[in-house]
Amino acid sequence: MSGWDAGAGQTAPAPAPAPALRVGAVLLAAGESRRMGGIDKRRLELDGEPLVRRWLRIFSEAGIRDVVVVLGHRRELILPLVEGQGAVVVSNPDHRRGQQSSVLAGLAALPAGIDAALVALVDLALVDARDLRALIDAFAVRPAGTNALVPFFQGQRGNPVIVSAAVAARVVADAAAGGAGGAGGAGGAGGARQSAPAPDCEDDAVGGLRAYLRTHPEEVCRHEAGSDHFTVDLDTPEDIDRLERRLGRPIGRPQAEE
């Protein structure tokens, strides 16, 4: 599962009335769907709506106005689906290095003035606007001293993850300075530290948000979700089959184009 591993970390309290936050969202849609057997999961259609466009609708319904979509593999196939939808589109020429290179590209493109950054994976097909609002509300009332929130359901980690704008900016600056946000890097935090939320991807060497959260477990809190929407992703054709059985209707499967 592509996502954010988590070990230690505080548990976020039950959401309470929270101040309005300006949240920027990064949608990761640069990958090659390597495990899909020729299916482009970014263009999978749920009720006739491609997943990549569905996310833009959900962001809008959740009140998120600052959205960055990161494209990479076969950019020309996805661009028509996201143009004119109010999102900033950035290209990641290094997308083959792994997910973290796209995370960094997206965070760097978020505007100034946001309070937090939400990083979403395109293949989460069940997350809706209510889920995002619950996540944002939980972040707004997170324990003092924490700067990141990861959703969980029945012990399983999920996505999206939310971090403060200060953490997002720090990660981008450290990466630009040569990867200081990597293990033991950001803010002078050196030495071995307890493992904390980190994305399950290939590019440890990139550093970035994965390394930051791993080396700063005290800044991470858990959001105990009320459903499995944050943990159901689509990595393989078998995942699609399971979701079709659950929903009781077919999912459109556009083929990847060489």
C-alpha atoms as a PDB file:
ATOM      1  CA  MET A   1       0.000   0.000   0.000  1.00  0.00           C
ATOM      2  CA  SER A   2       1.347   3.399  -0.882  1.00  0.00           C
ATOM      3  CA  GLY A   3       1.036   5.517   2.198  1.00  0.00           C
ATOM      4  CA  TRP A   4       2.413   6.672   5.482  1.00  0.00           C
ATOM      5  CA  ASP A   5       3.788   4.155   7.940  1.00  0.00           C
ATOM      6  CA  ALA A   6       3.347   5.044  11.571  1.00  0.00           C
ATOM      7  CA  GLY A   7       4.748   3.861  14.817  1.00  0.00           C
ATOM      8  CA  ALA A   8       4.829   6.067  17.864  1.00  0.00           C
ATOM      9  CA  GLY A   9       2.839   9.250  18.018  1.00  0.00           C
ATOM     10  CA  GLN A  10       0.146  10.921  20.009  1.00  0.00           C
ATOM     11  CA  THR A  11      -3.525  10.299  19.331  1.00  0.00           C
ATOM     12  CA  ALA A  12      -5.562  13.293  18.265  1.00  0.00           C
ATOM     13  CA  PRO A  13      -8.582  14.117  20.445  1.00  0.00           C
ATOM     14  CA  ALA A  14     -12.103  13.826  19.101  1.00  0.00           C
ATOM     15  CA  PRO A  15     -12.789  16.767  16.773  1.00  0.00           C
ATOM     16  CA  ALA A  16     -14.377  19.788  18.432  1.00  0.00           C
ATOM     17  CA  PRO A  17     -15.449  23.101  16.952  1.00  0.00           C
ATOM     18  CA  ALA A  18     -12.261  24.335  15.336  1.00  0.00           C
ATOM     19  CA  PRO A  19     -11.071  27.592  13.834  1.00  0.00           C
ATOM     20  CA  ALA A  20     -11.185  27.813  10.072  1.00  0.00           C
ATOM     21  CA  LEU A  21      -7.917  26.787   8.517  1.00  0.00           C
ATOM     22  CA  ARG A  22      -6.653  27.625   5.066  1.00  0.00           C
ATOM     23  CA  VAL A  23      -5.484  24.264   3.825  1.00  0.00           C
ATOM     24  CA  GLY A  24      -3.539  23.695   0.632  1.00  0.00           C
ATOM     25  CA  ALA A  25      -3.775  20.289  -1.018  1.00  0.00           C
ATOM     26  CA  VAL A  26      -1.218  18.365  -3.062  1.00  0.00           C
ATOM     27  CA  LEU A  27      -2.610  15.588  -5.249  1.00  0.00           C
ATOM     28  CA  LEU A  28      -0.014  13.035  -6.331  1.00  0.00           C
ATOM     29  CA  ALA A  29      -0.816  11.830  -9.855  1.00  0.00           C
ATOM     30  CA  ALA A  30       2.604  11.349 -11.418  1.00  0.00           C
ATOM     31  CA  GLY A  31       3.106   7.616 -11.122  1.00  0.00           C
ATOM     32  CA  GLU A  32       3.141   4.830 -13.681  1.00  0.00           C
ATOM     33  CA  SER A  33       0.625   2.433 -12.047  1.00  0.00           C
ATOM     34  CA  ARG A  34       3.270  -0.278 -12.322  1.00  0.00           C
ATOM     35  CA  ARG A  35       1.307  -2.904 -10.405  1.00  0.00           C
ATOM     36  CA  MET A  36      -1.920  -2.376 -12.354  1.00  0.00           C
ATOM     37  CA  GLY A  37      -1.176  -4.652 -15.287  1.00  0.00           C
ATOM     38  CA  GLY A  38      -1.655  -1.994 -17.951  1.00  0.00           C
ATOM     39  CA  ILE A  39      -4.430  -0.028 -16.226  1.00  0.00           C
ATOM     40  CA  ASP A  40      -3.876   3.677 -15.537  1.00  0.00           C
ATOM     41  CA  LYS A  41      -5.301   4.077 -12.039  1.00  0.00           C
ATOM     42  CA  ARG A  42      -5.328   7.859 -12.285  1.00  0.00           C
ATOM     43  CA  ARG A  43      -8.025   7.538 -14.952  1.00  0.00           C
ATOM     44  CA  LEU A  44     -10.081   4.835 -13.250  1.00  0.00           C
ATOM     45  CA  GLU A  45     -13.706   5.941 -13.391  1.00  0.00           C
ATOM     46  CA  LEU A  46     -16.012   5.827 -10.404  1.00  0.00           C
ATOM     47  CA  ASP A  47     -19.574   6.525 -11.551  1.00  0.00           C
ATOM     48  CA  GLY A  48     -18.091   7.819 -14.793  1.00  0.00           C
ATOM     49  CA  GLU A  49     -15.754  10.277 -13.073  1.00  0.00           C
ATOM     50  CA  PRO A  50     -11.969   9.794 -13.355  1.00  0.00           C
ATOM     51  CA  LEU A  51     -10.334   9.514  -9.951  1.00  0.00           C
ATOM     52  CA  VAL A  52      -7.983  12.411 -10.618  1.00  0.00           C
ATOM     53  CA  ARG A  53     -10.913  14.719 -11.369  1.00  0.00           C
ATOM     54  CA  ARG A  54     -12.985  13.282  -8.530  1.00  0.00           C
ATOM     55  CA  TRP A  55     -10.324  14.481  -6.115  1.00  0.00           C
ATOM     56  CA  LEU A  56     -10.562  18.023  -7.427  1.00  0.00           C
ATOM     57  CA  ARG A  57     -14.312  17.983  -6.847  1.00  0.00           C
ATOM     58  CA  ILE A  58     -13.872  16.615  -3.331  1.00  0.00           C
ATOM     59  CA  PHE A  59     -11.303  19.259  -2.459  1.00  0.00           C
ATOM     60  CA  SER A  60     -13.729  21.952  -3.585  1.00  0.00           C
ATOM     61  CA  GLU A  61     -16.622  20.448  -1.622  1.00  0.00           C
ATOM     62  CA  ALA A  62     -14.398  20.316   1.464  1.00  0.00           C
ATOM     63  CA  GLY A  63     -13.615  24.010   1.129  1.00  0.00           C
ATOM     64  CA  ILE A  64     -10.033  23.550  -0.073  1.00  0.00           C
ATOM     65  CA  ARG A  65      -9.285  26.209  -2.652  1.00  0.00           C
ATOM     66  CA  ASP A  66      -5.496  25.967  -2.977  1.00  0.00           C
ATOM     67  CA  VAL A  67      -4.809  22.766  -4.903  1.00  0.00           C
ATOM     68  CA  VAL A  68      -1.678  21.542  -6.674  1.00  0.00           C
ATOM     69  CA  VAL A  69      -1.761  18.487  -8.945  1.00  0.00           C
ATOM     70  CA  VAL A  70       1.593  16.830  -9.597  1.00  0.00           C
ATOM     71  CA  LEU A  71       1.883  15.076 -12.950  1.00  0.00           C
ATOM     72  CA  GLY A  72       4.706  13.049 -14.429  1.00  0.00           C
ATOM     73  CA  HIS A  73       4.208   9.826 -16.367  1.00  0.00           C
ATOM     74  CA  ARG A  74       2.198  10.437 -19.568  1.00  0.00           C
ATOM     75  CA  ARG A  75       1.340  13.947 -18.456  1.00  0.00           C
ATOM     76  CA  GLU A  76      -0.571  14.592 -21.674  1.00  0.00           C
ATOM     77  CA  LEU A  77      -3.159  11.952 -20.755  1.00  0.00           C
ATOM     78  CA  ILE A  78      -3.991  13.497 -17.391  1.00  0.00           C
ATOM     79  CA  LEU A  79      -3.678  17.195 -18.151  1.00  0.00           C
ATOM     80  CA  PRO A  80      -7.028  17.425 -20.020  1.00  0.00           C
ATOM     81  CA  LEU A  81      -8.748  15.940 -16.968  1.00  0.00           C
ATOM     82  CA  VAL A  82      -7.479  18.597 -14.568  1.00  0.00           C
ATOM     83  CA  GLU A  83      -7.207  21.735 -16.706  1.00  0.00           C
ATOM     84  CA  GLY A  84      -9.853  24.346 -16.040  1.00  0.00           C
ATOM     85  CA  GLN A  85     -10.650  22.900 -12.619  1.00  0.00           C
ATOM     86  CA  GLY A  86      -8.988  25.642 -10.564  1.00  0.00           C
ATOM     87  CA  ALA A  87      -5.872  23.669  -9.673  1.00  0.00           C
ATOM     88  CA  VAL A  88      -2.244  24.533 -10.254  1.00  0.00           C
ATOM     89  CA  VAL A  89      -0.593  21.797 -12.329  1.00  0.00           C
ATOM     90  CA  VAL A  90       3.108  21.091 -11.940  1.00  0.00           C
ATOM     91  CA  SER A  91       5.236  18.509 -13.704  1.00  0.00           C
ATOM     92  CA  ASN A  92       7.758  16.315 -11.944  1.00  0.00           C
ATOM     93  CA  PRO A  93      10.409  15.196 -14.437  1.00  0.00           C
ATOM     94  CA  ASP A  94      11.960  13.084 -11.665  1.00  0.00           C
ATOM     95  CA  HIS A  95       8.807  11.089 -10.930  1.00  0.00           C
ATOM     96  CA  ARG A  96      10.623   7.790 -11.518  1.00  0.00           C
ATOM     97  CA  ARG A  97      12.692   8.496  -8.416  1.00  0.00           C
ATOM     98  CA  GLY A  98       9.576   7.801  -6.401  1.00  0.00           C
ATOM     99  CA  GLN A  99       6.741   9.407  -4.550  1.00  0.00           C
ATOM    100  CA  GLN A 100       8.776  11.812  -2.434  1.00  0.00           C
ATOM    101  CA  SER A 101      10.071  13.701  -5.449  1.00  0.00           C
ATOM    102  CA  SER A 102       6.449  14.450  -6.335  1.00  0.00           C
ATOM    103  CA  VAL A 103       5.619  15.401  -2.742  1.00  0.00           C
ATOM    104  CA  LEU A 104       8.432  17.958  -2.795  1.00  0.00           C
ATOM    105  CA  ALA A 105       7.339  19.350  -6.166  1.00  0.00           C
ATOM    106  CA  GLY A 106       3.790  19.759  -4.907  1.00  0.00           C
ATOM    107  CA  LEU A 107       4.681  21.332  -1.574  1.00  0.00           C
ATOM    108  CA  ALA A 108       6.989  23.798  -3.315  1.00  0.00           C
ATOM    109  CA  ALA A 109       4.104  24.961  -5.520  1.00  0.00           C
ATOM    110  CA  LEU A 110       1.647  25.683  -2.703  1.00  0.00           C
ATOM    111  CA  PRO A 111       0.939  29.381  -2.145  1.00  0.00           C
ATOM    112  CA  ALA A 112       2.063  31.463   0.786  1.00  0.00           C
ATOM    113  CA  GLY A 113      -0.502  32.116   3.472  1.00  0.00           C
ATOM    114  CA  ILE A 114      -1.814  28.598   3.990  1.00  0.00           C
ATOM    115  CA  ASP A 115      -2.046  27.147   7.495  1.00  0.00           C
ATOM    116  CA  ALA A 116      -1.527  23.517   6.558  1.00  0.00           C
ATOM    117  CA  ALA A 117      -0.709  21.217   3.658  1.00  0.00           C
ATOM    118  CA  LEU A 118      -2.628  18.039   2.875  1.00  0.00           C
ATOM    119  CA  VAL A 119      -0.929  15.408   0.688  1.00  0.00           C
ATOM    120  CA  ALA A 120      -3.302  13.015  -1.080  1.00  0.00           C
ATOM    121  CA  LEU A 121      -2.813   9.897  -3.201  1.00  0.00           C
ATOM    122  CA  VAL A 122      -4.910   9.700  -6.357  1.00  0.00           C
ATOM    123  CA  ASP A 123      -5.882   6.040  -5.872  1.00  0.00           C
ATOM    124  CA  LEU A 124      -7.958   6.483  -2.702  1.00  0.00           C
ATOM    125  CA  ALA A 125     -11.397   5.997  -4.232  1.00  0.00           C
ATOM    126  CA  LEU A 126     -13.647   6.202  -1.154  1.00  0.00           C
ATOM    127  CA  VAL A 127     -12.478   9.403   0.527  1.00  0.00           C
ATOM    128  CA  ASP A 128     -15.129  12.100   0.326  1.00  0.00           C
ATOM    129  CA  ALA A 129     -15.487  15.725   1.381  1.00  0.00           C
ATOM    130  CA  ARG A 130     -16.851  14.809   4.799  1.00  0.00           C
ATOM    131  CA  ASP A 131     -13.772  12.677   5.443  1.00  0.00           C
ATOM    132  CA  LEU A 132     -11.490  15.561   4.531  1.00  0.00           C
ATOM    133  CA  ARG A 133     -13.375  17.972   6.752  1.00  0.00           C
ATOM    134  CA  ALA A 134     -13.084  15.561   9.679  1.00  0.00           C
ATOM    135  CA  LEU A 135      -9.370  15.285   9.060  1.00  0.00           C
ATOM    136  CA  ILE A 136      -8.915  19.044   8.883  1.00  0.00           C
ATOM    137  CA  ASP A 137     -10.996  19.587  12.010  1.00  0.00           C
ATOM    138  CA  ALA A 138      -8.907  17.015  13.866  1.00  0.00           C
ATOM    139  CA  PHE A 139      -5.731  18.772  12.737  1.00  0.00           C
ATOM    140  CA  ALA A 140      -7.086  22.088  14.016  1.00  0.00           C
ATOM    141  CA  VAL A 141      -7.454  20.679  17.543  1.00  0.00           C
ATOM    142  CA  ARG A 142      -4.365  18.459  17.532  1.00  0.00           C
ATOM    143  CA  PRO A 143      -2.260  18.222  20.701  1.00  0.00           C
ATOM    144  CA  ALA A 144       0.026  21.147  21.407  1.00  0.00           C
ATOM    145  CA  GLY A 145       3.484  20.665  19.958  1.00  0.00           C
ATOM    146  CA  THR A 146       2.385  18.406  17.125  1.00  0.00           C
ATOM    147  CA  ASN A 147       2.593  19.527  13.518  1.00  0.00           C
ATOM    148  CA  ALA A 148       1.398  16.517  11.530  1.00  0.00           C
ATOM    149  CA  LEU A 149      -1.641  14.265  11.547  1.00  0.00           C
ATOM    150  CA  VAL A 150      -2.081  10.784  10.053  1.00  0.00           C
ATOM    151  CA  PRO A 151      -5.451   8.974   9.839  1.00  0.00           C
ATOM    152  CA  PHE A 152      -5.845   5.420  11.157  1.00  0.00           C
ATOM    153  CA  PHE A 153      -8.649   2.890  10.995  1.00  0.00           C
ATOM    154  CA  GLN A 154      -8.583  -0.183  13.210  1.00  0.00           C
ATOM    155  CA  GLY A 155      -4.842   0.064  13.572  1.00  0.00           C
ATOM    156  CA  GLN A 156      -4.122   0.541   9.865  1.00  0.00           C
ATOM    157  CA  ARG A 157      -2.487   3.740   8.688  1.00  0.00           C
ATOM    158  CA  GLY A 158      -4.121   5.761   5.960  1.00  0.00           C
ATOM    159  CA  ASN A 159      -3.989   8.861   3.808  1.00  0.00           C
ATOM    160  CA  PRO A 160      -4.057  11.817   3.294  1.00  0.00           C
ATOM    161  CA  VAL A 161      -1.566  13.190   5.791  1.00  0.00           C
ATOM    162  CA  ILE A 162      -1.718  16.824   6.946  1.00  0.00           C
ATOM    163  CA  VAL A 163       1.237  18.895   8.121  1.00  0.00           C
ATOM    164  CA  SER A 164       1.569  22.480   9.226  1.00  0.00           C
ATOM    165  CA  ALA A 165       2.619  25.067   6.675  1.00  0.00           C
ATOM    166  CA  ALA A 166       5.806  25.596   8.674  1.00  0.00           C
ATOM    167  CA  VAL A 167       6.755  21.926   8.310  1.00  0.00           C
ATOM    168  CA  ALA A 168       5.939  21.962   4.600  1.00  0.00           C
ATOM    169  CA  ALA A 169       8.114  25.032   4.056  1.00  0.00           C
ATOM    170  CA  ARG A 170      10.928  23.589   6.127  1.00  0.00           C
ATOM    171  CA  VAL A 171      10.925  20.327   4.179  1.00  0.00           C
ATOM    172  CA  VAL A 172      11.072  22.171   0.857  1.00  0.00           C
ATOM    173  CA  ALA A 173      13.858  24.464   2.057  1.00  0.00           C
ATOM    174  CA  ASP A 174      15.887  21.578   3.444  1.00  0.00           C
ATOM    175  CA  ALA A 175      15.533  19.623   0.200  1.00  0.00           C
ATOM    176  CA  ALA A 176      16.645  22.647  -1.795  1.00  0.00           C
ATOM    177  CA  ALA A 177      19.672  22.963   0.500  1.00  0.00           C
ATOM    178  CA  GLY A 178      20.716  19.413  -0.200  1.00  0.00           C
ATOM    179  CA  GLY A 179      18.411  17.098   1.697  1.00  0.00           C
ATOM    180  CA  ALA A 180      18.879  18.403   5.219  1.00  0.00           C
ATOM    181  CA  GLY A 181      15.342  17.251   5.934  1.00  0.00           C
ATOM    182  CA  GLY A 182      16.474  13.669   5.576  1.00  0.00           C
ATOM    183  CA  ALA A 183      17.235  11.332   8.428  1.00  0.00           C
ATOM    184  CA  GLY A 184      18.824  13.320  11.224  1.00  0.00           C
ATOM    185  CA  GLY A 185      18.846  16.496   9.130  1.00  0.00           C
ATOM    186  CA  ALA A 186      16.076  19.021   9.615  1.00  0.00           C
ATOM    187  CA  GLY A 187      16.603  21.550  12.303  1.00  0.00           C
ATOM    188  CA  GLY A 188      19.737  19.841  13.533  1.00  0.00           C
ATOM    189  CA  ALA A 189      17.857  16.728  14.650  1.00  0.00           C
ATOM    190  CA  GLY A 190      20.603  14.153  14.316  1.00  0.00           C
ATOM    191  CA  GLY A 191      21.179  10.596  15.441  1.00  0.00           C
ATOM    192  CA  ALA A 192      18.856   7.615  15.522  1.00  0.00           C
ATOM    193  CA  ARG A 193      15.280   8.406  16.442  1.00  0.00           C
ATOM    194  CA  GLN A 194      12.128   6.391  16.835  1.00  0.00           C
ATOM    195  CA  SER A 195      10.347   5.538  13.578  1.00  0.00           C
ATOM    196  CA  ALA A 196       7.190   7.545  12.836  1.00  0.00           C
ATOM    197  CA  PRO A 197       4.827   8.057   9.885  1.00  0.00           C
ATOM    198  CA  ALA A 198       6.579   7.754   6.568  1.00  0.00           C
ATOM    199  CA  PRO A 199       5.319   6.981   3.078  1.00  0.00           C
ATOM    200  CA  ASP A 200       5.835   3.514   1.735  1.00  0.00           C
ATOM    201  CA  CYS A 201       7.774   4.407  -1.394  1.00  0.00           C
ATOM    202  CA  GLU A 202      11.089   3.829  -3.071  1.00  0.00           C
ATOM    203  CA  ASP A 203      12.961   7.090  -2.754  1.00  0.00           C
ATOM    204  CA  ASP A 204      14.520   7.351   0.685  1.00  0.00           C
ATOM    205  CA  ALA A 205      17.440   9.246  -0.800  1.00  0.00           C
ATOM    206  CA  VAL A 206      15.180  12.132  -1.785  1.00  0.00           C
ATOM    207  CA  GLY A 207      14.521  12.962   1.861  1.00  0.00           C
ATOM    208  CA  GLY A 208      11.658  15.387   2.132  1.00  0.00           C
ATOM    209  CA  LEU A 209       8.478  14.867   4.094  1.00  0.00           C
ATOM    210  CA  ARG A 210       8.972  11.152   4.585  1.00  0.00           C
ATOM    211  CA  ALA A 211      12.316  11.657   6.281  1.00  0.00           C
ATOM    212  CA  TYR A 212      11.085  14.627   8.288  1.00  0.00           C
ATOM    213  CA  LEU A 213       8.188  12.734   9.826  1.00  0.00           C
ATOM    214  CA  ARG A 214      10.343   9.707  10.500  1.00  0.00           C
ATOM    215  CA  THR A 215      12.887  11.771  12.405  1.00  0.00           C
ATOM    216  CA  HIS A 216      10.334  13.892  14.283  1.00  0.00           C
ATOM    217  CA  PRO A 217       7.881  11.385  15.807  1.00  0.00           C
ATOM    218  CA  GLU A 218       7.050  13.762  18.637  1.00  0.00           C
ATOM    219  CA  GLU A 219       5.422  16.094  16.096  1.00  0.00           C
ATOM    220  CA  VAL A 220       3.014  13.460  14.749  1.00  0.00           C
ATOM    221  CA  CYS A 221      -0.460  12.635  16.040  1.00  0.00           C
ATOM    222  CA  ARG A 222      -3.010  10.017  14.995  1.00  0.00           C
ATOM    223  CA  HIS A 223      -6.576  10.608  13.860  1.00  0.00           C
ATOM    224  CA  GLU A 224      -8.792   7.615  14.593  1.00  0.00           C
ATOM    225  CA  ALA A 225     -11.155   7.590  11.625  1.00  0.00           C
ATOM    226  CA  GLY A 226     -14.716   6.333  11.737  1.00  0.00           C
ATOM    227  CA  SER A 227     -14.468   4.398   8.469  1.00  0.00           C
ATOM    228  CA  ASP A 228     -11.909   2.689   6.255  1.00  0.00           C
ATOM    229  CA  HIS A 229     -12.094   5.344   3.536  1.00  0.00           C
ATOM    230  CA  PHE A 230      -8.561   6.509   4.332  1.00  0.00           C
ATOM    231  CA  THR A 231      -7.095   3.016   4.044  1.00  0.00           C
ATOM    232  CA  VAL A 232      -8.683   1.590   0.871  1.00  0.00           C
ATOM    233  CA  ASP A 233      -6.416   2.265  -2.088  1.00  0.00           C
ATOM    234  CA  LEU A 234      -6.130   0.770  -5.556  1.00  0.00           C
ATOM    235  CA  ASP A 235      -2.723  -0.648  -6.391  1.00  0.00           C
ATOM    236  CA  THR A 236      -3.617  -3.811  -8.335  1.00  0.00           C
ATOM    237  CA  PRO A 237      -6.438  -5.144 -10.533  1.00  0.00           C
ATOM    238  CA  GLU A 238      -7.479  -7.315  -7.588  1.00  0.00           C
ATOM    239  CA  ASP A 239      -8.000  -4.162  -5.528  1.00  0.00           C
ATOM    240  CA  ILE A 240     -10.376  -2.901  -8.212  1.00  0.00           C
ATOM    241  CA  ASP A 241     -12.243  -6.221  -8.203  1.00  0.00           C
ATOM    242  CA  ARG A 242     -12.733  -6.008  -4.437  1.00  0.00           C
ATOM    243  CA  LEU A 243     -14.000  -2.453  -4.623  1.00  0.00           C
ATOM    244  CA  GLU A 244     -16.440  -3.350  -7.406  1.00  0.00           C
ATOM    245  CA  ARG A 245     -17.875  -6.139  -5.270  1.00  0.00           C
ATOM    246  CA  ARG A 246     -18.186  -3.768  -2.338  1.00  0.00           C
ATOM    247  CA  LEU A 247     -19.882  -1.033  -4.349  1.00  0.00           C
ATOM    248  CA  GLY A 248     -21.999  -3.371  -6.427  1.00  0.00           C
ATOM    249  CA  ARG A 249     -21.163  -1.582  -9.654  1.00  0.00           C
ATOM    250  CA  PRO A 250     -18.341  -1.571 -12.193  1.00  0.00           C
ATOM    251  CA  ILE A 251     -15.353   0.750 -12.199  1.00  0.00           C
ATOM    252  CA  GLY A 252     -14.167   2.069 -15.554  1.00  0.00           C
ATOM    253  CA  ARG A 253     -10.689   0.785 -16.389  1.00  0.00           C
ATOM    254  CA  PRO A 254      -8.921   2.924 -19.003  1.00  0.00           C
ATOM    255  CA  GLN A 255      -5.814   1.181 -20.260  1.00  0.00           C
ATOM    256  CA  ALA A 256      -2.412   2.747 -19.836  1.00  0.00           C
ATOM    257  CA  GLU A 257      -0.964   4.000 -23.104  1.00  0.00           C
ATOM    258  CA  GLU A 258       2.647   3.408 -24.050  1.00  0.00           C
END
